[in-house]
N, C-alpha and C. Protein backbone atom coordinates (compact mmCIF):
# COMPACT_ATOMS: atom_id res chain seq x y z
N MET A 1 4.25 50.22 25.91
CA MET A 1 5.21 49.18 25.47
C MET A 1 4.54 48.13 24.54
N THR A 2 4.92 47.87 23.37
CA THR A 2 4.11 46.99 22.26
C THR A 2 5.04 45.71 22.06
N THR A 3 4.69 44.62 22.14
CA THR A 3 5.19 43.41 21.80
C THR A 3 4.74 42.80 20.56
N GLU A 4 5.64 42.63 19.51
CA GLU A 4 5.44 42.21 18.39
C GLU A 4 5.71 40.45 18.21
N LYS A 5 4.58 39.88 17.94
CA LYS A 5 4.66 38.54 17.72
C LYS A 5 5.36 38.29 16.55
N GLN A 6 6.70 37.50 16.48
CA GLN A 6 7.35 37.02 15.47
C GLN A 6 6.89 35.52 14.87
N THR A 7 6.47 35.43 13.71
CA THR A 7 6.42 33.73 13.25
C THR A 7 7.20 33.64 12.22
N GLN A 8 7.57 32.20 12.29
CA GLN A 8 8.64 31.50 11.52
C GLN A 8 7.79 30.49 10.39
N HIS A 9 7.90 31.04 9.32
CA HIS A 9 7.38 29.89 8.50
C HIS A 9 8.19 28.60 8.25
N THR A 10 7.75 27.44 8.28
CA THR A 10 8.44 26.16 7.91
C THR A 10 8.62 26.03 6.42
N PRO A 11 9.43 25.87 5.68
CA PRO A 11 9.52 25.36 4.15
C PRO A 11 8.83 24.13 4.20
N ARG A 12 7.93 24.27 3.13
CA ARG A 12 7.03 22.77 3.06
C ARG A 12 7.55 22.54 1.51
N ILE A 13 7.55 21.17 1.30
CA ILE A 13 7.53 20.51 0.20
C ILE A 13 6.47 19.72 -0.25
N TYR A 14 5.65 19.99 -1.51
CA TYR A 14 4.63 19.47 -1.83
C TYR A 14 4.94 18.40 -3.40
N ALA A 15 4.60 17.17 -2.92
CA ALA A 15 4.87 16.11 -3.78
C ALA A 15 3.78 15.17 -4.04
N GLU A 16 3.56 14.61 -5.51
CA GLU A 16 2.46 13.87 -5.75
C GLU A 16 2.76 12.41 -4.90
N PRO A 17 1.72 11.81 -4.68
CA PRO A 17 1.55 10.32 -3.84
C PRO A 17 2.47 9.52 -4.89
N SER A 18 3.16 8.64 -4.39
CA SER A 18 4.06 7.70 -4.90
C SER A 18 2.84 6.48 -5.17
N GLU A 19 3.46 5.87 -6.19
CA GLU A 19 2.80 4.54 -6.84
C GLU A 19 2.70 3.51 -6.06
N SER A 20 4.10 3.38 -5.62
CA SER A 20 4.58 2.24 -5.09
C SER A 20 5.46 2.81 -3.69
N PRO A 21 5.50 2.09 -2.75
CA PRO A 21 4.96 0.65 -2.23
C PRO A 21 3.30 0.55 -1.91
N LYS A 22 2.72 -0.22 -1.92
CA LYS A 22 1.37 -0.25 -1.51
C LYS A 22 1.29 -1.26 -0.56
N LEU A 23 0.06 -1.24 0.28
CA LEU A 23 -0.28 -2.29 1.16
C LEU A 23 -1.59 -2.70 0.99
N VAL A 24 -1.89 -4.13 0.42
CA VAL A 24 -3.19 -5.01 -0.23
C VAL A 24 -3.33 -5.76 0.91
N ILE A 25 -4.44 -6.03 1.56
CA ILE A 25 -5.05 -6.39 2.61
C ILE A 25 -6.10 -7.40 2.00
N THR A 26 -5.87 -8.62 1.80
CA THR A 26 -7.20 -9.79 1.33
C THR A 26 -7.28 -10.42 2.68
N THR A 27 -8.70 -10.90 2.80
CA THR A 27 -9.16 -11.52 3.93
C THR A 27 -9.96 -12.90 3.72
N ASN A 28 -10.29 -13.72 4.20
CA ASN A 28 -11.16 -14.75 3.70
C ASN A 28 -12.43 -14.51 3.29
N LEU A 29 -12.73 -13.27 3.49
CA LEU A 29 -14.16 -12.89 3.00
C LEU A 29 -14.08 -12.64 1.25
N ASP A 30 -12.83 -12.50 0.88
CA ASP A 30 -12.66 -12.14 -0.50
C ASP A 30 -12.71 -13.54 -1.19
N GLN A 31 -13.85 -13.46 -2.68
CA GLN A 31 -13.86 -14.90 -3.09
C GLN A 31 -12.89 -15.36 -3.78
N ASN A 32 -11.72 -14.59 -4.61
CA ASN A 32 -10.77 -14.88 -5.07
C ASN A 32 -9.63 -14.28 -4.70
N ALA A 33 -9.04 -15.07 -3.89
CA ALA A 33 -7.36 -14.21 -3.17
C ALA A 33 -6.53 -13.96 -4.10
N THR A 34 -6.53 -15.00 -5.38
CA THR A 34 -5.17 -14.46 -6.34
C THR A 34 -5.77 -13.50 -7.07
N GLU A 35 -6.89 -12.98 -6.83
CA GLU A 35 -7.07 -11.65 -7.82
C GLU A 35 -6.72 -10.42 -7.47
N GLN A 36 -6.08 -9.52 -8.19
CA GLN A 36 -5.67 -8.48 -7.56
C GLN A 36 -4.55 -8.60 -6.46
N ASN A 37 -3.84 -9.59 -6.27
CA ASN A 37 -2.88 -10.14 -5.43
C ASN A 37 -1.31 -9.66 -6.01
N PRO A 38 -0.89 -8.43 -5.27
CA PRO A 38 0.57 -8.08 -5.71
C PRO A 38 1.75 -9.20 -5.69
N TYR A 39 1.53 -10.17 -4.79
CA TYR A 39 2.58 -11.40 -4.95
C TYR A 39 2.35 -12.48 -5.69
N GLU A 40 1.66 -12.27 -6.63
CA GLU A 40 0.77 -13.58 -7.43
C GLU A 40 1.65 -13.23 -8.68
N GLN A 41 2.53 -14.34 -9.18
CA GLN A 41 3.17 -14.17 -10.41
C GLN A 41 2.55 -14.98 -11.60
N LYS A 42 2.15 -14.63 -12.52
CA LYS A 42 1.44 -15.24 -13.76
C LYS A 42 1.95 -16.23 -14.26
N ASN A 43 3.36 -16.55 -14.19
CA ASN A 43 3.81 -17.40 -15.03
C ASN A 43 4.81 -18.47 -14.05
N SER A 44 4.17 -18.50 -12.55
CA SER A 44 4.95 -19.34 -11.61
C SER A 44 4.34 -20.70 -11.82
N PRO A 45 5.46 -21.48 -11.37
CA PRO A 45 4.94 -23.03 -11.26
C PRO A 45 4.45 -23.31 -10.14
N ASN A 46 4.18 -22.55 -9.25
CA ASN A 46 3.44 -23.01 -7.79
C ASN A 46 2.51 -22.40 -7.58
N LYS A 47 1.53 -22.30 -8.72
CA LYS A 47 0.15 -21.79 -8.77
C LYS A 47 -0.47 -22.72 -7.66
N LYS A 48 -0.48 -23.81 -7.56
CA LYS A 48 -1.55 -24.50 -6.89
C LYS A 48 -1.06 -24.47 -5.14
N GLU A 49 0.23 -24.33 -4.79
CA GLU A 49 0.53 -24.08 -3.66
C GLU A 49 0.25 -22.65 -3.22
N PHE A 50 0.73 -21.57 -4.13
CA PHE A 50 0.43 -20.23 -4.01
C PHE A 50 -1.42 -19.88 -3.35
N LYS A 51 -2.30 -20.75 -4.25
CA LYS A 51 -3.71 -20.56 -4.17
C LYS A 51 -3.92 -21.19 -2.74
N GLU A 52 -3.52 -22.50 -2.35
CA GLU A 52 -3.92 -22.84 -1.24
C GLU A 52 -3.41 -21.94 0.06
N PHE A 53 -2.22 -21.38 0.04
CA PHE A 53 -1.80 -20.59 1.06
C PHE A 53 -2.76 -19.53 1.10
N PHE A 54 -3.35 -18.77 0.04
CA PHE A 54 -4.04 -17.59 0.62
C PHE A 54 -5.64 -17.90 0.46
N ASP A 55 -5.98 -19.45 0.20
CA ASP A 55 -7.42 -19.72 0.44
C ASP A 55 -7.72 -20.36 1.63
N GLU A 56 -6.44 -20.58 2.55
CA GLU A 56 -6.91 -21.25 4.10
C GLU A 56 -7.99 -20.73 4.70
């Protein structure tokens, strides 16, 4: 008596990695917390408050 093992293949989808969303972590060891910060808006009127928040 012979037994045959049947294998089922799961269909797979291969996709390129997404450009967003991304997780960016800055620490107090970073020299400039506003550099490469995704939350910074270049023309924001609250630049001082923004910088103080991240430079704590």
